[in-house]
Amino acid sequence: MAIRRKKLETMKVTLSNDNLSFCEVINQIENTNYNEGQGKLIALHRIRENSDYFLGYMNTTKQKGIPPKHNPRENTFEQLPINEGDGEGLGFSNVFIFDKTHQVIMYEFNKNGCYLASFRNYIRHLYNNDAEERLNLSFSPLLRLEAYQRMLQVDIYKTLEVKIATPIRPIQDFLDENDALSSAISTSQLLQSDTVNLKFDIKGRPLNGMPTQAISNLIRRIERLATGYDESIVEKFVICGYYNDIENDTLRKDEIDFLLDRYQKTFNVDEPNVLSNTQTHEKSTALFNVYWDCKGDFEILAPIV
């Protein structure tokens, strides 16, 4: 057995339909298998639910590219006893908990399982198949409490800088929205460049800054690109501004890094070298304990997006 640390992604959940709750959506598609491509079958399952939270997990079955068993002493390889006809494969899970009051989800990162972007696509695809009104779902990362308080102090936004790795996979629905960010990515794809570097900057004395509403909209677009498709797309995301230092009666410069200043939590589990199950029970118990300790933070952080 070994202690394994599991990373949690903490996000604010937003739906395009105000008359619909996130739990109503996921309860409608619970236990439904979905082939997301690349030989992965995923499904959402509920562990328990009450008026405060929904605790569940995503189950992933990897059906392609399964490696053989290796004996290092004999240097021999052997096919694993997997019944392809029954859809068997390697099993992985991602546990998650959704706070109904604050509309915040804490989702386990598992590189072998279902990424957050795939989780979002799973929900949208299955729900929109039967829904009369198309649902748009977005996740926005929370900032650390200290970074959030610093951001609230900023009165004048002077610089926004973002570096984007040009996506290989199609993100046409994102690019169809006609704005500066979509135009830059489309041009980068056309030129077959590896990255896009954008910097919006107001020179001179810190008297005038960027429009707050425009900054907020651009932040939401960049966050959507990262959490809706692939987190590795956004390689840098920094905002610089000035706040009024009351004690010294002067303007001071501060910088918010939306990647480094994210609200980050982890939990630990005892994990054997060879697993007989995906340890959903152990992981969900550890996750719930972390969630319970974080509820007070959500009172402050949830309204940031």
Protein backbone atom coordinates (compact mmCIF):
# COMPACT_ATOMS: atom_id res chain seq x y z
CA MET A 1 0.00 0.00 0.00
CA ALA A 2 1.11 3.55 -0.66
CA ILE A 3 -0.38 6.95 0.17
CA ARG A 4 -1.52 8.64 -3.02
CA ARG A 5 -2.41 12.33 -3.19
CA LYS A 6 -5.37 13.17 -5.41
CA LYS A 7 -5.81 16.65 -6.84
CA LEU A 8 -9.20 18.40 -6.81
CA GLU A 9 -10.46 20.93 -9.34
CA THR A 10 -12.88 23.36 -7.69
CA MET A 11 -15.28 25.13 -10.04
CA LYS A 12 -18.31 27.38 -10.03
CA VAL A 13 -21.08 25.78 -12.13
CA THR A 14 -23.24 27.96 -14.39
CA LEU A 15 -26.19 26.86 -16.54
CA SER A 16 -27.69 28.83 -19.42
CA ASN A 17 -31.20 27.95 -18.22
CA ASP A 18 -31.99 29.65 -14.89
CA ASN A 19 -35.07 27.47 -14.41
CA LEU A 20 -33.00 24.29 -14.41
CA SER A 21 -30.73 23.00 -11.65
CA PHE A 22 -27.46 21.16 -12.22
CA CYS A 23 -28.68 18.21 -10.15
CA GLU A 24 -31.85 17.92 -12.23
CA VAL A 25 -29.65 17.61 -15.29
CA ILE A 26 -27.26 14.98 -13.95
CA ASN A 27 -30.08 12.96 -12.38
CA GLN A 28 -31.68 12.67 -15.83
CA ILE A 29 -28.54 11.17 -17.38
CA GLU A 30 -27.32 9.10 -14.42
CA ASN A 31 -26.09 5.57 -15.26
CA THR A 32 -26.04 6.33 -19.01
CA ASN A 33 -22.98 5.12 -20.93
CA TYR A 34 -21.38 7.46 -23.45
CA ASN A 35 -18.54 6.67 -25.85
CA GLU A 36 -16.48 9.84 -26.00
CA GLY A 37 -14.14 8.43 -28.62
CA GLN A 38 -10.55 7.22 -28.38
CA GLY A 39 -11.78 3.96 -26.87
CA LYS A 40 -13.21 5.39 -23.64
CA LEU A 41 -16.68 4.63 -22.30
CA ILE A 42 -17.83 6.94 -19.48
CA ALA A 43 -20.88 7.04 -17.21
CA LEU A 44 -22.05 9.13 -14.25
CA HIS A 45 -23.19 7.43 -11.03
CA ARG A 46 -24.66 8.76 -7.80
CA ILE A 47 -23.36 7.75 -4.37
CA ARG A 48 -25.76 9.84 -2.29
CA GLU A 49 -27.70 13.09 -2.48
CA ASN A 50 -29.54 15.35 -0.06
CA SER A 51 -30.71 18.96 0.04
CA ASP A 52 -27.13 20.24 0.50
CA TYR A 53 -25.00 18.25 -1.93
CA PHE A 54 -24.73 15.58 -4.63
CA LEU A 55 -21.89 13.07 -4.17
CA GLY A 56 -21.05 10.92 -7.18
CA TYR A 57 -18.40 9.62 -9.52
CA MET A 58 -17.58 9.21 -13.19
CA ASN A 59 -16.71 5.67 -14.24
CA THR A 60 -14.33 5.24 -17.20
CA THR A 61 -13.75 2.02 -19.14
CA LYS A 62 -10.67 2.15 -21.36
CA GLN A 63 -11.39 -0.29 -24.20
CA LYS A 64 -8.52 0.41 -26.60
CA GLY A 65 -4.74 0.59 -26.33
CA ILE A 66 -4.63 -1.76 -23.34
CA PRO A 67 -1.02 -2.79 -22.61
CA PRO A 68 0.03 -6.39 -21.86
CA LYS A 69 1.15 -7.82 -18.55
CA HIS A 70 4.95 -8.00 -18.26
CA ASN A 71 7.14 -10.40 -16.28
CA PRO A 72 10.52 -8.63 -15.78
CA ARG A 73 12.30 -11.80 -14.61
CA GLU A 74 11.44 -13.76 -17.72
CA ASN A 75 11.02 -10.65 -19.89
CA THR A 76 7.76 -12.07 -21.20
CA PHE A 77 4.50 -10.37 -22.10
CA GLU A 78 0.97 -11.69 -21.80
CA GLN A 79 -2.39 -10.33 -22.90
CA LEU A 80 -4.69 -9.35 -20.03
CA PRO A 81 -7.84 -11.51 -19.74
CA ILE A 82 -10.27 -8.91 -21.07
CA ASN A 83 -13.50 -9.88 -22.84
CA GLU A 84 -13.80 -7.36 -25.67
CA GLY A 85 -17.13 -8.81 -26.74
CA ASP A 86 -18.70 -7.75 -23.44
CA GLY A 87 -17.14 -4.29 -23.62
CA GLU A 88 -14.64 -4.95 -20.85
CA GLY A 89 -11.59 -2.76 -20.38
CA LEU A 90 -9.45 -1.08 -17.77
CA GLY A 91 -11.49 0.71 -15.09
CA PHE A 92 -10.92 4.17 -13.60
CA SER A 93 -13.03 6.62 -11.62
CA ASN A 94 -13.25 10.32 -10.76
CA VAL A 95 -15.18 11.18 -7.61
CA PHE A 96 -16.91 14.55 -7.28
CA ILE A 97 -19.21 16.50 -5.00
CA PHE A 98 -21.55 19.35 -5.95
CA ASP A 99 -22.54 21.96 -3.37
CA LYS A 100 -26.13 22.95 -4.14
CA THR A 101 -26.13 26.15 -2.08
CA HIS A 102 -23.03 27.69 -3.64
CA GLN A 103 -23.20 25.94 -7.03
CA VAL A 104 -19.63 24.70 -6.63
CA ILE A 105 -18.22 21.36 -7.75
CA MET A 106 -15.08 19.66 -6.42
CA TYR A 107 -13.89 17.17 -9.04
CA GLU A 108 -11.02 14.68 -8.74
CA PHE A 109 -8.34 14.95 -11.39
CA ASN A 110 -7.38 11.52 -12.73
CA LYS A 111 -5.27 11.51 -15.90
CA ASN A 112 -6.45 7.99 -16.74
CA GLY A 113 -10.11 8.72 -16.12
CA CYS A 114 -12.60 11.35 -17.25
CA TYR A 115 -11.20 14.87 -17.57
CA LEU A 116 -13.34 17.81 -16.48
CA ALA A 117 -13.79 18.85 -20.12
CA SER A 118 -15.05 15.35 -20.97
CA PHE A 119 -17.36 15.46 -17.93
CA ARG A 120 -18.89 18.68 -19.28
CA ASN A 121 -19.22 17.26 -22.80
CA TYR A 122 -20.84 14.10 -21.42
CA ILE A 123 -23.52 16.12 -19.62
CA ARG A 124 -24.21 18.47 -22.53
CA HIS A 125 -24.32 15.70 -25.14
CA LEU A 126 -26.68 13.37 -23.28
CA TYR A 127 -28.99 16.10 -21.97
CA ASN A 128 -29.23 18.01 -25.25
CA ASN A 129 -30.10 14.84 -27.15
CA ASP A 130 -33.60 14.84 -25.65
CA ALA A 131 -34.05 18.42 -24.42
CA GLU A 132 -36.33 20.91 -26.16
CA GLU A 133 -34.13 23.82 -25.10
CA ARG A 134 -30.40 23.42 -25.67
CA LEU A 135 -28.35 23.58 -22.47
CA ASN A 136 -25.05 25.41 -22.17
CA LEU A 137 -22.92 24.46 -19.18
CA SER A 138 -19.75 26.24 -18.01
CA PHE A 139 -17.22 25.74 -15.22
CA SER A 140 -15.23 28.68 -13.81
CA PRO A 141 -12.29 28.03 -11.44
CA LEU A 142 -12.33 29.61 -8.00
CA LEU A 143 -9.37 31.64 -6.79
CA ARG A 144 -7.59 31.20 -3.49
CA LEU A 145 -9.14 33.32 -0.74
CA GLU A 146 -6.08 35.58 -0.53
CA ALA A 147 -5.98 36.08 -4.31
CA TYR A 148 -9.72 36.74 -4.43
CA GLN A 149 -9.41 39.44 -1.76
CA ARG A 150 -6.54 41.05 -3.70
CA MET A 151 -8.58 41.01 -6.89
CA LEU A 152 -11.45 42.78 -5.14
CA GLN A 153 -9.07 45.58 -4.17
CA VAL A 154 -8.02 46.30 -7.76
CA ASP A 155 -9.66 49.52 -8.98
CA ILE A 156 -7.84 49.97 -12.32
CA TYR A 157 -7.05 47.12 -14.72
CA LYS A 158 -4.05 47.98 -16.90
CA THR A 159 -2.85 44.72 -18.47
CA LEU A 160 -4.31 41.35 -19.43
CA GLU A 161 -1.93 38.75 -20.83
CA VAL A 162 -2.82 35.27 -22.05
CA LYS A 163 -0.87 32.53 -23.83
CA ILE A 164 -2.86 29.87 -25.63
CA ALA A 165 -1.58 26.65 -27.17
CA THR A 166 -3.27 26.43 -30.56
CA PRO A 167 -5.85 23.64 -30.18
CA ILE A 168 -5.50 20.68 -32.50
CA ARG A 169 -8.98 19.33 -31.82
CA PRO A 170 -11.94 21.23 -33.33
CA ILE A 171 -13.53 23.80 -31.01
CA GLN A 172 -15.82 25.24 -33.64
CA ASP A 173 -18.63 26.27 -31.28
CA PHE A 174 -16.11 28.41 -29.38
CA LEU A 175 -14.63 29.93 -32.53
CA ASP A 176 -18.06 30.73 -33.95
CA GLU A 177 -18.42 33.49 -31.36
CA ASN A 178 -17.03 36.56 -33.08
CA ASP A 179 -14.59 38.27 -30.71
CA ALA A 180 -10.88 39.12 -30.43
CA LEU A 181 -10.00 35.84 -28.70
CA SER A 182 -11.72 33.61 -31.29
CA SER A 183 -10.21 35.63 -34.14
CA ALA A 184 -6.68 35.27 -32.74
CA ILE A 185 -7.04 31.48 -32.30
CA SER A 186 -8.50 31.06 -35.80
CA THR A 187 -5.62 33.04 -37.30
CA SER A 188 -3.11 30.96 -35.36
CA GLN A 189 -4.66 27.74 -36.67
CA LEU A 190 -4.57 29.12 -40.20
CA LEU A 191 -0.86 29.91 -39.85
CA GLN A 192 -0.24 26.55 -38.11
CA SER A 193 1.52 28.25 -35.21
CA ASP A 194 2.03 26.46 -31.89
CA THR A 195 0.89 29.24 -29.57
CA VAL A 196 -1.00 32.53 -29.46
CA ASN A 197 0.31 35.33 -27.24
CA LEU A 198 -2.15 38.13 -26.52
CA LYS A 199 -1.40 41.19 -24.41
CA PHE A 200 -3.86 44.01 -23.87
CA ASP A 201 -2.07 46.93 -22.25
CA ILE A 202 -2.84 50.56 -21.40
CA LYS A 203 0.37 52.57 -21.20
CA GLY A 204 1.08 55.66 -19.15
CA ARG A 205 0.17 56.68 -15.64
CA PRO A 206 -2.36 54.45 -13.85
CA LEU A 207 -5.26 56.88 -14.12
CA ASN A 208 -7.45 55.10 -16.64
CA GLY A 209 -7.96 51.38 -16.94
CA MET A 210 -9.80 48.83 -19.03
CA PRO A 211 -13.62 48.63 -18.80
CA THR A 212 -14.52 46.26 -15.95
CA GLN A 213 -17.34 44.60 -17.90
CA ALA A 214 -15.08 43.92 -20.88
CA ILE A 215 -12.44 42.41 -18.59
CA SER A 216 -15.07 40.19 -16.89
CA ASN A 217 -16.36 38.93 -20.25
CA LEU A 218 -12.86 38.11 -21.48
CA ILE A 219 -12.04 36.28 -18.24
CA ARG A 220 -15.15 34.12 -18.65
CA ARG A 221 -14.23 33.34 -22.26
CA ILE A 222 -10.69 32.27 -21.36
CA GLU A 223 -11.95 30.15 -18.46
CA ARG A 224 -14.48 28.51 -20.75
CA LEU A 225 -11.74 27.66 -23.23
CA ALA A 226 -9.67 25.98 -20.49
CA THR A 227 -12.38 24.10 -18.61
CA GLY A 228 -14.67 23.37 -21.54
CA TYR A 229 -12.12 21.78 -23.84
CA ASP A 230 -8.65 21.14 -22.45
CA GLU A 231 -7.03 22.80 -19.44
CA SER A 232 -3.58 22.62 -21.06
CA ILE A 233 -4.73 24.98 -23.84
CA VAL A 234 -4.32 28.04 -21.60
CA GLU A 235 -0.63 28.25 -20.66
CA LYS A 236 -0.63 31.74 -19.14
CA PHE A 237 -3.41 33.97 -17.83
CA VAL A 238 -2.40 37.06 -15.84
CA ILE A 239 -4.13 40.35 -15.03
CA CYS A 240 -2.25 43.38 -13.69
CA GLY A 241 -3.80 46.43 -12.10
CA TYR A 242 -3.62 49.05 -9.37
CA TYR A 243 -5.36 49.44 -6.04
CA ASN A 244 -5.59 52.33 -3.63
CA ASP A 245 -3.31 51.90 -0.59
CA ILE A 246 -5.29 53.89 1.98
CA GLU A 247 -2.55 53.85 4.64
CA ASN A 248 0.04 55.43 2.31
CA ASP A 249 -2.46 57.32 0.15
CA THR A 250 -1.00 55.97 -3.09
CA LEU A 251 -1.76 53.56 -5.93
CA ARG A 252 0.01 50.21 -5.73
CA LYS A 253 0.49 47.62 -8.45
CA ASP A 254 -0.70 44.02 -8.06
CA GLU A 255 -0.87 40.95 -10.28
CA ILE A 256 -3.41 38.10 -10.31
CA ASP A 257 -2.33 34.83 -11.91
CA PHE A 258 -5.45 32.83 -12.75
CA LEU A 259 -3.45 29.60 -13.06
CA LEU A 260 -1.16 29.81 -10.02
CA ASP A 261 -3.76 31.51 -7.78
CA ARG A 262 -6.46 28.87 -8.21
CA TYR A 263 -8.23 27.40 -5.20
CA GLN A 264 -6.45 24.05 -4.89
CA LYS A 265 -7.21 21.16 -2.56
CA THR A 266 -6.13 17.51 -2.37
CA PHE A 267 -7.05 14.35 -0.51
CA ASN A 268 -5.07 11.19 0.28
CA VAL A 269 -5.94 7.50 -0.09
CA ASP A 270 -4.12 4.25 0.61
CA GLU A 271 -3.66 2.71 -2.81
CA PRO A 272 -2.35 -0.84 -3.40
CA ASN A 273 0.10 -1.51 -6.21
CA VAL A 274 -2.46 -3.76 -7.92
CA LEU A 275 -6.06 -2.59 -7.56
CA SER A 276 -9.09 -4.87 -7.46
CA ASN A 277 -11.52 -1.92 -7.77
CA THR A 278 -11.41 1.83 -8.46
CA GLN A 279 -11.51 2.71 -4.73
CA THR A 280 -14.62 4.85 -5.21
CA HIS A 281 -15.71 4.37 -1.59
CA GLU A 282 -12.33 5.34 -0.12
CA LYS A 283 -11.93 8.33 -2.43
CA SER A 284 -15.46 9.66 -1.93
CA THR A 285 -15.08 9.47 1.87
CA ALA A 286 -11.80 11.41 1.74
CA LEU A 287 -13.31 13.92 -0.70
CA PHE A 288 -16.31 14.54 1.53
CA ASN A 289 -14.08 15.34 4.51
CA VAL A 290 -12.19 17.93 2.43
CA TYR A 291 -15.46 19.38 1.12
CA TRP A 292 -16.83 19.78 4.64
CA ASP A 293 -13.75 21.81 5.63
CA CYS A 294 -14.11 24.05 2.54
CA LYS A 295 -17.78 25.02 2.92
CA GLY A 296 -16.90 28.21 4.80
CA ASP A 297 -14.60 29.34 1.97
CA PHE A 298 -17.40 28.90 -0.56
CA GLU A 299 -19.47 31.51 1.25
CA ILE A 300 -16.90 34.08 0.15
CA LEU A 301 -15.50 32.62 -3.07
CA ALA A 302 -18.61 31.39 -4.91
CA PRO A 303 -19.84 34.87 -5.96
CA ILE A 304 -16.60 35.69 -7.85
CA VAL A 305 -17.93 34.40 -11.19
